[in-house]
Amino acid sequence: MSRRVVAYEWMSLDGVIQAPSAADEDRDDGFAHGGWHPRFFDDRSRQWVIDGVRQAGGFLFGRRTYDIFAAHWPHATGPEAVLAEPLNRKPKYVASRTLTEPARWAGTEVLDGDAVRAVAALKDTVGGDLHLIGSAALARTLVAENLIDEFQLMIDPVLLGSGKRLFPDDGALRCFSLAGSRATATGALLVSYRLI
């Protein structure tokens, strides 16, 4: 049985996943709405994040998200330990054409060559689900190749009007089945869609 790729994303109503956490997280293309997501967190969505990280068999990252996580999570303590422990302990795979030095985050493997082929090969290995977090460019590439088996989305009630989007604008028809949905106290939705 092959491993699944599950995309865990914080997303606006118009499909933007760029810079959800902080104003200076990613200003590419003049994106001015960084930090749009935290106000929509509540206890239910925090638990959803914790459960997702604990359930992962490993993590997939693009270079930019990897750099952000590698700079923060190995040093996280206190209340963040509940996320830091599984993130630091479980295997991490980063798709990058530019990361040449040894990975600085313990348990990280840099995927060689073409990301599509590398992720397809990784899916054929033994282990639990691979959770893709953030990593907009990698996510769009994997969606385009039908390599994402499930989307776990927190959809926030906000329109951003611009920014990096989760889904490619390639004209392809893709169908999904709803595996679960819950509303949060802030008006966000936690939804799970599976590729059919």
N, C-alpha and C. Protein backbone atom coordinates (compact mmCIF):
# COMPACT_ATOMS: atom_id res chain seq x y z
N MET A 1 0.85 -1.18 0.00
CA MET A 1 0.00 0.00 0.00
C MET A 1 0.89 1.25 0.00
N SER A 2 0.60 2.17 -0.87
CA SER A 2 1.44 3.35 -0.97
C SER A 2 1.05 4.39 0.08
N ARG A 3 1.99 5.23 0.38
CA ARG A 3 1.75 6.33 1.31
C ARG A 3 0.91 7.39 0.61
N ARG A 4 0.17 8.13 1.40
CA ARG A 4 -0.63 9.22 0.86
C ARG A 4 0.07 10.55 1.13
N VAL A 5 -0.20 11.53 0.28
CA VAL A 5 0.22 12.90 0.53
C VAL A 5 -1.02 13.68 0.92
N VAL A 6 -0.95 14.30 2.09
CA VAL A 6 -2.06 15.09 2.63
C VAL A 6 -1.58 16.53 2.75
N ALA A 7 -2.26 17.45 2.07
CA ALA A 7 -1.90 18.86 2.14
C ALA A 7 -2.66 19.51 3.29
N TYR A 8 -1.93 20.03 4.26
CA TYR A 8 -2.50 20.80 5.38
C TYR A 8 -2.24 22.26 5.10
N GLU A 9 -3.32 23.02 4.88
CA GLU A 9 -3.16 24.41 4.48
C GLU A 9 -4.14 25.32 5.19
N TRP A 10 -3.68 26.53 5.48
CA TRP A 10 -4.54 27.62 5.91
C TRP A 10 -4.82 28.44 4.66
N MET A 11 -6.09 28.63 4.34
CA MET A 11 -6.45 29.20 3.05
C MET A 11 -7.55 30.24 3.19
N SER A 12 -7.46 31.30 2.39
CA SER A 12 -8.52 32.30 2.33
C SER A 12 -9.65 31.78 1.44
N LEU A 13 -10.77 32.45 1.45
CA LEU A 13 -11.89 32.06 0.60
C LEU A 13 -11.53 32.08 -0.88
N ASP A 14 -10.60 32.93 -1.28
CA ASP A 14 -10.19 32.99 -2.68
C ASP A 14 -8.95 32.15 -2.97
N GLY A 15 -8.66 31.19 -2.09
CA GLY A 15 -7.63 30.19 -2.36
C GLY A 15 -6.20 30.58 -2.08
N VAL A 16 -5.97 31.72 -1.41
CA VAL A 16 -4.62 32.19 -1.14
C VAL A 16 -4.06 31.49 0.10
N ILE A 17 -2.81 31.04 0.00
CA ILE A 17 -2.13 30.42 1.15
C ILE A 17 -0.84 31.16 1.49
N GLN A 18 -0.56 32.26 0.83
CA GLN A 18 0.69 33.00 1.03
C GLN A 18 0.70 33.73 2.37
N ALA A 19 1.80 33.61 3.08
CA ALA A 19 2.10 34.39 4.28
C ALA A 19 0.96 34.45 5.29
N PRO A 20 0.43 33.31 5.73
CA PRO A 20 -0.69 33.38 6.67
C PRO A 20 -0.30 33.84 8.06
N SER A 21 0.93 33.61 8.48
CA SER A 21 1.28 33.78 9.90
C SER A 21 1.82 35.15 10.29
N ALA A 22 2.58 35.79 9.40
CA ALA A 22 3.26 37.03 9.80
C ALA A 22 3.37 38.00 8.64
N ALA A 23 3.41 39.28 8.97
CA ALA A 23 3.46 40.33 7.95
C ALA A 23 4.68 40.22 7.05
N ASP A 24 5.80 39.79 7.60
CA ASP A 24 7.04 39.73 6.81
C ASP A 24 7.38 38.31 6.34
N GLU A 25 6.44 37.39 6.43
CA GLU A 25 6.69 35.99 6.10
C GLU A 25 7.05 35.79 4.63
N ASP A 26 6.31 36.44 3.73
CA ASP A 26 6.53 36.27 2.29
C ASP A 26 5.90 37.46 1.57
N ARG A 27 6.74 38.39 1.15
CA ARG A 27 6.25 39.60 0.48
C ARG A 27 6.41 39.52 -1.04
N ASP A 28 6.64 38.31 -1.57
CA ASP A 28 6.78 38.15 -3.02
C ASP A 28 5.63 38.84 -3.76
N ASP A 29 5.97 39.43 -4.89
CA ASP A 29 5.00 40.11 -5.76
C ASP A 29 4.23 41.20 -5.05
N GLY A 30 4.85 41.81 -4.02
CA GLY A 30 4.24 42.92 -3.31
C GLY A 30 3.08 42.54 -2.42
N PHE A 31 3.00 41.26 -2.01
CA PHE A 31 1.90 40.81 -1.16
C PHE A 31 1.89 41.59 0.14
N ALA A 32 0.77 42.25 0.42
CA ALA A 32 0.69 43.19 1.54
C ALA A 32 -0.18 42.71 2.69
N HIS A 33 -0.68 41.47 2.62
CA HIS A 33 -1.63 41.01 3.63
C HIS A 33 -1.06 39.93 4.54
N GLY A 34 0.25 39.84 4.65
CA GLY A 34 0.86 38.82 5.51
C GLY A 34 0.33 38.89 6.93
N GLY A 35 0.11 37.73 7.53
CA GLY A 35 -0.41 37.66 8.89
C GLY A 35 -1.93 37.67 8.96
N TRP A 36 -2.59 37.31 7.88
CA TRP A 36 -4.05 37.35 7.81
C TRP A 36 -4.73 36.24 8.60
N HIS A 37 -4.03 35.19 8.95
CA HIS A 37 -4.66 34.00 9.51
C HIS A 37 -4.84 33.93 11.04
N PRO A 38 -3.91 34.35 11.88
CA PRO A 38 -4.00 34.07 13.31
C PRO A 38 -5.30 34.49 13.99
N ARG A 39 -5.93 35.55 13.54
CA ARG A 39 -7.18 35.99 14.21
C ARG A 39 -8.31 34.99 14.07
N PHE A 40 -8.17 34.02 13.18
CA PHE A 40 -9.22 33.02 12.99
C PHE A 40 -8.98 31.73 13.78
N PHE A 41 -7.90 31.68 14.54
CA PHE A 41 -7.65 30.51 15.38
C PHE A 41 -8.57 30.49 16.59
N ASP A 42 -8.96 29.30 16.98
CA ASP A 42 -9.68 29.07 18.22
C ASP A 42 -9.23 27.72 18.77
N ASP A 43 -9.81 27.28 19.87
CA ASP A 43 -9.39 26.01 20.47
C ASP A 43 -9.57 24.83 19.51
N ARG A 44 -10.68 24.82 18.77
CA ARG A 44 -10.94 23.71 17.84
C ARG A 44 -9.88 23.65 16.74
N SER A 45 -9.54 24.81 16.16
CA SER A 45 -8.56 24.80 15.07
C SER A 45 -7.14 24.52 15.59
N ARG A 46 -6.84 24.97 16.79
CA ARG A 46 -5.52 24.64 17.38
C ARG A 46 -5.39 23.13 17.55
N GLN A 47 -6.45 22.48 18.04
CA GLN A 47 -6.41 21.03 18.21
C GLN A 47 -6.31 20.32 16.86
N TRP A 48 -6.95 20.87 15.84
CA TRP A 48 -6.87 20.32 14.48
C TRP A 48 -5.42 20.33 13.99
N VAL A 49 -4.70 21.42 14.26
CA VAL A 49 -3.29 21.52 13.87
C VAL A 49 -2.46 20.49 14.63
N ILE A 50 -2.67 20.41 15.93
CA ILE A 50 -1.92 19.46 16.77
C ILE A 50 -2.17 18.03 16.30
N ASP A 51 -3.43 17.68 16.08
CA ASP A 51 -3.77 16.33 15.63
C ASP A 51 -3.11 16.00 14.29
N GLY A 52 -3.13 16.97 13.37
CA GLY A 52 -2.52 16.75 12.07
C GLY A 52 -1.03 16.48 12.16
N VAL A 53 -0.33 17.25 12.96
CA VAL A 53 1.11 17.07 13.10
C VAL A 53 1.42 15.73 13.78
N ARG A 54 0.64 15.37 14.76
CA ARG A 54 0.86 14.09 15.45
C ARG A 54 0.59 12.89 14.55
N GLN A 55 -0.39 12.99 13.66
CA GLN A 55 -0.78 11.86 12.82
C GLN A 55 0.15 11.65 11.63
N ALA A 56 0.93 12.64 11.28
CA ALA A 56 1.80 12.55 10.10
C ALA A 56 2.85 11.47 10.27
N GLY A 57 3.14 10.79 9.15
CA GLY A 57 4.27 9.87 9.13
C GLY A 57 5.56 10.59 8.79
N GLY A 58 5.44 11.76 8.21
CA GLY A 58 6.56 12.60 7.82
C GLY A 58 6.01 13.86 7.19
N PHE A 59 6.91 14.78 6.86
CA PHE A 59 6.49 16.08 6.35
C PHE A 59 7.19 16.41 5.04
N LEU A 60 6.45 17.04 4.15
CA LEU A 60 6.99 17.53 2.88
C LEU A 60 7.01 19.05 2.91
N PHE A 61 8.09 19.63 2.43
CA PHE A 61 8.21 21.08 2.38
C PHE A 61 8.85 21.52 1.08
N GLY A 62 8.47 22.71 0.64
CA GLY A 62 9.25 23.43 -0.35
C GLY A 62 10.35 24.18 0.39
N ARG A 63 11.26 24.77 -0.35
CA ARG A 63 12.44 25.40 0.26
C ARG A 63 12.08 26.54 1.23
N ARG A 64 11.20 27.44 0.83
CA ARG A 64 10.91 28.61 1.67
C ARG A 64 10.24 28.19 2.98
N THR A 65 9.23 27.34 2.91
CA THR A 65 8.57 26.89 4.14
C THR A 65 9.55 26.10 5.01
N TYR A 66 10.37 25.28 4.38
CA TYR A 66 11.37 24.53 5.14
C TYR A 66 12.29 25.48 5.91
N ASP A 67 12.78 26.51 5.26
CA ASP A 67 13.68 27.45 5.93
C ASP A 67 13.01 28.12 7.13
N ILE A 68 11.74 28.49 6.99
CA ILE A 68 11.00 29.11 8.09
C ILE A 68 10.86 28.13 9.25
N PHE A 69 10.46 26.91 8.95
CA PHE A 69 10.25 25.90 9.99
C PHE A 69 11.58 25.50 10.64
N ALA A 70 12.63 25.31 9.82
CA ALA A 70 13.92 24.88 10.35
C ALA A 70 14.55 25.93 11.26
N ALA A 71 14.22 27.19 11.03
CA ALA A 71 14.74 28.26 11.88
C ALA A 71 14.00 28.35 13.21
N HIS A 72 12.78 27.86 13.25
CA HIS A 72 11.96 28.05 14.44
C HIS A 72 11.79 26.78 15.30
N TRP A 73 11.32 25.69 14.69
CA TRP A 73 10.85 24.55 15.49
C TRP A 73 11.93 23.80 16.28
N PRO A 74 13.16 23.71 15.83
CA PRO A 74 14.15 23.03 16.67
C PRO A 74 14.40 23.73 18.00
N HIS A 75 14.03 25.01 18.12
CA HIS A 75 14.29 25.79 19.32
C HIS A 75 13.01 26.11 20.11
N ALA A 76 11.87 25.63 19.63
CA ALA A 76 10.59 25.95 20.27
C ALA A 76 10.45 25.22 21.59
N THR A 77 9.94 25.93 22.59
CA THR A 77 9.73 25.36 23.92
C THR A 77 8.37 25.82 24.45
N GLY A 78 8.11 25.50 25.71
CA GLY A 78 6.89 25.95 26.36
C GLY A 78 5.66 25.40 25.67
N PRO A 79 4.64 26.23 25.46
CA PRO A 79 3.39 25.76 24.86
C PRO A 79 3.56 25.21 23.44
N GLU A 80 4.63 25.63 22.75
CA GLU A 80 4.86 25.14 21.39
C GLU A 80 5.45 23.73 21.34
N ALA A 81 5.84 23.20 22.48
CA ALA A 81 6.47 21.88 22.52
C ALA A 81 5.56 20.79 21.97
N VAL A 82 4.25 20.96 22.11
CA VAL A 82 3.30 19.96 21.62
C VAL A 82 3.39 19.80 20.10
N LEU A 83 3.77 20.87 19.40
CA LEU A 83 4.00 20.79 17.95
C LEU A 83 5.46 20.51 17.63
N ALA A 84 6.35 21.09 18.41
CA ALA A 84 7.78 20.95 18.14
C ALA A 84 8.23 19.49 18.23
N GLU A 85 7.72 18.75 19.20
CA GLU A 85 8.18 17.37 19.40
C GLU A 85 7.97 16.52 18.15
N PRO A 86 6.74 16.40 17.61
CA PRO A 86 6.60 15.58 16.40
C PRO A 86 7.29 16.19 15.17
N LEU A 87 7.29 17.51 15.03
CA LEU A 87 7.97 18.12 13.90
C LEU A 87 9.47 17.83 13.92
N ASN A 88 10.06 17.84 15.09
CA ASN A 88 11.49 17.60 15.21
C ASN A 88 11.85 16.11 15.11
N ARG A 89 10.95 15.25 15.56
CA ARG A 89 11.24 13.81 15.62
C ARG A 89 10.99 13.08 14.30
N LYS A 90 9.97 13.49 13.58
CA LYS A 90 9.56 12.75 12.39
C LYS A 90 10.38 13.17 11.16
N PRO A 91 10.45 12.28 10.15
CA PRO A 91 11.24 12.62 8.95
C PRO A 91 10.65 13.80 8.19
N LYS A 92 11.56 14.55 7.61
CA LYS A 92 11.20 15.73 6.83
C LYS A 92 11.87 15.62 5.47
N TYR A 93 11.10 15.96 4.43
CA TYR A 93 11.60 15.90 3.06
C TYR A 93 11.40 17.27 2.44
N VAL A 94 12.46 17.81 1.87
CA VAL A 94 12.37 19.14 1.27
C VAL A 94 12.71 19.05 -0.21
N ALA A 95 11.79 19.58 -1.03
CA ALA A 95 12.01 19.64 -2.47
C ALA A 95 12.65 20.98 -2.79
N SER A 96 13.88 20.92 -3.25
CA SER A 96 14.60 22.17 -3.54
C SER A 96 15.67 21.91 -4.58
N ARG A 97 15.77 22.84 -5.51
CA ARG A 97 16.86 22.79 -6.49
C ARG A 97 18.05 23.62 -6.02
N THR A 98 17.85 24.40 -4.96
CA THR A 98 18.89 25.34 -4.53
C THR A 98 19.53 24.98 -3.19
N LEU A 99 18.93 24.08 -2.44
CA LEU A 99 19.50 23.69 -1.14
C LEU A 99 20.63 22.71 -1.39
N THR A 100 21.85 23.19 -1.26
CA THR A 100 23.02 22.35 -1.55
C THR A 100 23.79 21.96 -0.30
N GLU A 101 23.76 22.81 0.71
CA GLU A 101 24.47 22.49 1.94
C GLU A 101 23.67 21.41 2.70
N PRO A 102 24.31 20.71 3.61
CA PRO A 102 23.57 19.72 4.39
C PRO A 102 22.40 20.38 5.12
N ALA A 103 21.29 19.67 5.16
CA ALA A 103 20.10 20.19 5.84
C ALA A 103 20.42 20.43 7.31
N ARG A 104 19.99 21.58 7.81
CA ARG A 104 20.34 21.95 9.19
C ARG A 104 19.34 21.43 10.22
N TRP A 105 18.19 20.94 9.78
CA TRP A 105 17.17 20.44 10.70
C TRP A 105 17.30 18.93 10.75
N ALA A 106 17.58 18.38 11.92
CA ALA A 106 17.79 16.94 12.07
C ALA A 106 16.62 16.16 11.49
N GLY A 107 16.94 15.08 10.79
CA GLY A 107 15.91 14.22 10.22
C GLY A 107 15.41 14.68 8.87
N THR A 108 16.15 15.59 8.22
CA THR A 108 15.74 16.13 6.93
C THR A 108 16.49 15.46 5.80
N GLU A 109 15.74 15.13 4.74
CA GLU A 109 16.33 14.63 3.51
C GLU A 109 15.95 15.58 2.38
N VAL A 110 16.93 16.02 1.62
CA VAL A 110 16.66 16.85 0.45
C VAL A 110 16.35 15.90 -0.70
N LEU A 111 15.19 16.10 -1.33
CA LEU A 111 14.78 15.24 -2.44
C LEU A 111 15.61 15.57 -3.67
N ASP A 112 16.18 14.55 -4.28
CA ASP A 112 17.04 14.74 -5.45
C ASP A 112 16.21 14.92 -6.71
N GLY A 113 16.67 15.82 -7.57
CA GLY A 113 16.10 15.96 -8.90
C GLY A 113 14.70 16.52 -8.93
N ASP A 114 13.93 16.06 -9.89
CA ASP A 114 12.58 16.54 -10.14
C ASP A 114 11.66 16.21 -8.97
N ALA A 115 10.95 17.22 -8.47
CA ALA A 115 10.10 17.04 -7.29
C ALA A 115 8.97 16.05 -7.56
N VAL A 116 8.40 16.08 -8.74
CA VAL A 116 7.29 15.17 -9.06
C VAL A 116 7.74 13.72 -8.99
N ARG A 117 8.85 13.42 -9.62
CA ARG A 117 9.36 12.05 -9.58
C ARG A 117 9.76 11.65 -8.16
N ALA A 118 10.39 12.58 -7.43
CA ALA A 118 10.85 12.27 -6.08
C ALA A 118 9.68 12.01 -5.15
N VAL A 119 8.62 12.81 -5.23
CA VAL A 119 7.46 12.60 -4.36
C VAL A 119 6.72 11.34 -4.76
N ALA A 120 6.59 11.07 -6.05
CA ALA A 120 5.96 9.83 -6.50
C ALA A 120 6.72 8.61 -5.96
N ALA A 121 8.05 8.66 -5.99
CA ALA A 121 8.86 7.56 -5.46
C ALA A 121 8.69 7.45 -3.95
N LEU A 122 8.63 8.58 -3.27
CA LEU A 122 8.47 8.59 -1.81
C LEU A 122 7.13 7.97 -1.42
N LYS A 123 6.10 8.20 -2.22
CA LYS A 123 4.78 7.63 -1.94
C LYS A 123 4.82 6.10 -1.99
N ASP A 124 5.77 5.53 -2.73
CA ASP A 124 5.87 4.08 -2.85
C ASP A 124 6.71 3.44 -1.76
N THR A 125 7.15 4.23 -0.78
CA THR A 125 7.91 3.68 0.34
C THR A 125 6.97 3.33 1.49
N VAL A 126 7.50 2.65 2.46
CA VAL A 126 6.73 2.25 3.64
C VAL A 126 6.72 3.39 4.64
N GLY A 127 5.56 3.64 5.23
CA GLY A 127 5.46 4.68 6.25
C GLY A 127 4.08 5.30 6.25
N GLY A 128 3.87 6.21 7.18
CA GLY A 128 2.59 6.88 7.30
C GLY A 128 2.43 8.00 6.29
N ASP A 129 1.29 8.64 6.36
CA ASP A 129 0.99 9.75 5.45
C ASP A 129 2.05 10.84 5.52
N LEU A 130 2.32 11.41 4.36
CA LEU A 130 3.25 12.54 4.26
C LEU A 130 2.42 13.81 4.23
N HIS A 131 2.66 14.70 5.18
CA HIS A 131 1.89 15.93 5.28
C HIS A 131 2.67 17.08 4.67
N LEU A 132 2.07 17.68 3.66
CA LEU A 132 2.62 18.86 3.01
C LEU A 132 2.07 20.07 3.74
N ILE A 133 2.95 20.93 4.22
CA ILE A 133 2.54 22.12 4.97
C ILE A 133 3.03 23.35 4.20
N GLY A 134 2.11 24.30 3.98
CA GLY A 134 2.49 25.52 3.26
C GLY A 134 3.02 25.17 1.89
N SER A 135 4.18 25.74 1.55
CA SER A 135 4.90 25.34 0.34
C SER A 135 4.06 25.49 -0.92
N ALA A 136 3.62 26.72 -1.19
CA ALA A 136 2.66 27.00 -2.26
C ALA A 136 3.09 26.46 -3.62
N ALA A 137 4.31 26.72 -4.03
CA ALA A 137 4.76 26.28 -5.36
C ALA A 137 4.77 24.76 -5.45
N LEU A 138 5.29 24.09 -4.43
CA LEU A 138 5.31 22.63 -4.42
C LEU A 138 3.88 22.08 -4.41
N ALA A 139 3.01 22.68 -3.63
CA ALA A 139 1.62 22.23 -3.56
C ALA A 139 0.97 22.30 -4.94
N ARG A 140 1.11 23.42 -5.63
CA ARG A 140 0.51 23.55 -6.96
C ARG A 140 1.07 22.52 -7.93
N THR A 141 2.37 22.28 -7.85
CA THR A 141 3.00 21.27 -8.72
C THR A 141 2.42 19.89 -8.45
N LEU A 142 2.27 19.54 -7.18
CA LEU A 142 1.76 18.21 -6.84
C LEU A 142 0.27 18.07 -7.16
N VAL A 143 -0.49 19.16 -7.00
CA VAL A 143 -1.90 19.13 -7.39
C VAL A 143 -2.00 18.88 -8.90
N ALA A 144 -1.20 19.58 -9.67
CA ALA A 144 -1.24 19.45 -11.13
C ALA A 144 -0.94 18.03 -11.58
N GLU A 145 -0.15 17.30 -10.80
CA GLU A 145 0.21 15.93 -11.14
C GLU A 145 -0.63 14.89 -10.40
N ASN A 146 -1.70 15.34 -9.73
CA ASN A 146 -2.60 14.45 -8.97
C ASN A 146 -1.85 13.62 -7.93
N LEU A 147 -0.85 14.21 -7.31
CA LEU A 147 -0.08 13.52 -6.28
C LEU A 147 -0.55 13.83 -4.86
N ILE A 148 -1.50 14.73 -4.72
CA ILE A 148 -2.07 15.00 -3.40
C ILE A 148 -3.35 14.20 -3.28
N ASP A 149 -3.40 13.35 -2.27
CA ASP A 149 -4.53 12.45 -2.08
C ASP A 149 -5.65 13.07 -1.26
N GLU A 150 -5.28 14.00 -0.39
CA GLU A 150 -6.28 14.60 0.50
C GLU A 150 -5.86 16.02 0.83
N PHE A 151 -6.86 16.88 0.97
CA PHE A 151 -6.64 18.24 1.44
C PHE A 151 -7.30 18.40 2.80
N GLN A 152 -6.52 18.82 3.78
CA GLN A 152 -7.03 19.22 5.09
C GLN A 152 -6.88 20.74 5.11
N LEU A 153 -8.00 21.44 5.03
CA LEU A 153 -7.96 22.89 4.86
C LEU A 153 -8.66 23.59 6.00
N MET A 154 -8.05 24.66 6.47
CA MET A 154 -8.74 25.61 7.32
C MET A 154 -9.02 26.81 6.43
N ILE A 155 -10.29 26.99 6.07
CA ILE A 155 -10.69 28.04 5.16
C ILE A 155 -11.21 29.22 5.97
N ASP A 156 -10.48 30.32 5.92
CA ASP A 156 -10.82 31.50 6.70
C ASP A 156 -11.79 32.40 5.94
N PRO A 157 -12.72 33.05 6.65
CA PRO A 157 -13.69 33.92 5.99
C PRO A 157 -13.09 35.28 5.65
N VAL A 158 -12.17 35.26 4.69
CA VAL A 158 -11.49 36.49 4.28
C VAL A 158 -11.12 36.36 2.80
N LEU A 159 -11.27 37.45 2.06
CA LEU A 159 -10.81 37.53 0.68
C LEU A 159 -9.55 38.40 0.66
N LEU A 160 -8.48 37.90 0.04
CA LEU A 160 -7.22 38.63 0.01
C LEU A 160 -6.97 39.31 -1.33
N GLY A 161 -7.62 38.86 -2.37
CA GLY A 161 -7.54 39.54 -3.66
C GLY A 161 -6.29 39.30 -4.47
N SER A 162 -5.24 38.83 -3.84
CA SER A 162 -4.00 38.52 -4.54
C SER A 162 -3.21 37.56 -3.66
N GLY A 163 -2.15 37.02 -4.21
CA GLY A 163 -1.28 36.13 -3.44
C GLY A 163 -1.16 34.76 -4.07
N LYS A 164 -0.24 33.99 -3.53
CA LYS A 164 0.00 32.63 -4.03
C LYS A 164 -1.17 31.74 -3.64
N ARG A 165 -1.67 31.04 -4.63
CA ARG A 165 -2.84 30.20 -4.41
C ARG A 165 -2.45 28.74 -4.36
N LEU A 166 -3.32 27.95 -3.72
CA LEU A 166 -3.08 26.52 -3.57
C LEU A 166 -3.26 25.77 -4.88
N PHE A 167 -4.29 26.14 -5.64
CA PHE A 167 -4.63 25.34 -6.80
C PHE A 167 -4.09 25.96 -8.09
N PRO A 168 -3.57 25.12 -8.99
CA PRO A 168 -3.03 25.64 -10.25
C PRO A 168 -4.15 26.14 -11.16
N ASP A 169 -3.84 27.13 -11.95
CA ASP A 169 -4.79 27.69 -12.92
C ASP A 169 -4.48 27.05 -14.27
N ASP A 170 -4.73 25.73 -14.37
CA ASP A 170 -4.33 24.98 -15.56
C ASP A 170 -5.50 24.46 -16.39
N GLY A 171 -6.71 24.80 -15.99
CA GLY A 171 -7.88 24.38 -16.76
C GLY A 171 -8.29 22.93 -16.57
N ALA A 172 -7.60 22.19 -15.73
CA ALA A 172 -7.92 20.77 -15.52
C ALA A 172 -9.10 20.62 -14.56
N LEU A 173 -9.94 19.64 -14.84
CA LEU A 173 -11.06 19.29 -13.96
C LEU A 173 -10.59 18.23 -12.98
N ARG A 174 -10.77 18.51 -11.70
CA ARG A 174 -10.41 17.55 -10.65
C ARG A 174 -11.58 17.45 -9.69
N CYS A 175 -11.93 16.23 -9.29
CA CYS A 175 -13.08 16.03 -8.41
C CYS A 175 -12.64 15.46 -7.07
N PHE A 176 -13.35 15.87 -6.03
CA PHE A 176 -13.02 15.46 -4.67
C PHE A 176 -14.29 15.05 -3.94
N SER A 177 -14.13 14.23 -2.92
CA SER A 177 -15.25 13.89 -2.06
C SER A 177 -15.00 14.51 -0.69
N LEU A 178 -16.06 14.95 -0.06
CA LEU A 178 -15.96 15.55 1.27
C LEU A 178 -15.83 14.44 2.30
N ALA A 179 -14.75 14.47 3.07
CA ALA A 179 -14.52 13.46 4.10
C ALA A 179 -14.87 13.97 5.49
N GLY A 180 -15.03 15.28 5.63
CA GLY A 180 -15.38 15.84 6.93
C GLY A 180 -15.39 17.35 6.90
N SER A 181 -16.19 17.93 7.77
CA SER A 181 -16.21 19.39 7.89
C SER A 181 -16.71 19.79 9.26
N ARG A 182 -16.13 20.87 9.78
CA ARG A 182 -16.55 21.46 11.05
C ARG A 182 -16.33 22.95 10.98
N ALA A 183 -17.22 23.68 11.64
CA ALA A 183 -17.04 25.13 11.73
C ALA A 183 -16.32 25.46 13.03
N THR A 184 -15.57 26.57 13.01
CA THR A 184 -14.92 27.06 14.22
C THR A 184 -15.72 28.22 14.79
N ALA A 185 -15.38 28.63 15.97
CA ALA A 185 -16.06 29.75 16.62
C ALA A 185 -15.76 31.07 15.92
N THR A 186 -14.73 31.11 15.10
CA THR A 186 -14.35 32.35 14.42
C THR A 186 -14.95 32.46 13.02
N GLY A 187 -15.70 31.45 12.60
CA GLY A 187 -16.30 31.45 11.28
C GLY A 187 -15.48 30.74 10.22
N ALA A 188 -14.33 30.23 10.58
CA ALA A 188 -13.52 29.44 9.64
C ALA A 188 -14.10 28.03 9.56
N LEU A 189 -13.77 27.34 8.48
CA LEU A 189 -14.19 25.95 8.28
C LEU A 189 -12.98 25.04 8.25
N LEU A 190 -13.07 23.91 8.92
CA LEU A 190 -12.07 22.86 8.84
C LEU A 190 -12.65 21.77 7.96
N VAL A 191 -12.09 21.59 6.79
CA VAL A 191 -12.65 20.63 5.83
C VAL A 191 -11.60 19.65 5.35
N SER A 192 -12.08 18.48 5.01
CA SER A 192 -11.23 17.44 4.45
C SER A 192 -11.83 16.98 3.13
N TYR A 193 -11.05 17.07 2.06
CA TYR A 193 -11.47 16.61 0.74
C TYR A 193 -10.49 15.56 0.23
N ARG A 194 -11.02 14.47 -0.33
CA ARG A 194 -10.19 13.41 -0.87
C ARG A 194 -10.35 13.34 -2.37
N LEU A 195 -9.24 13.14 -3.07
CA LEU A 195 -9.24 13.00 -4.51
C LEU A 195 -10.00 11.74 -4.90
N ILE A 196 -10.91 11.86 -5.89
CA ILE A 196 -11.63 10.67 -6.35
C ILE A 196 -11.31 10.41 -7.82
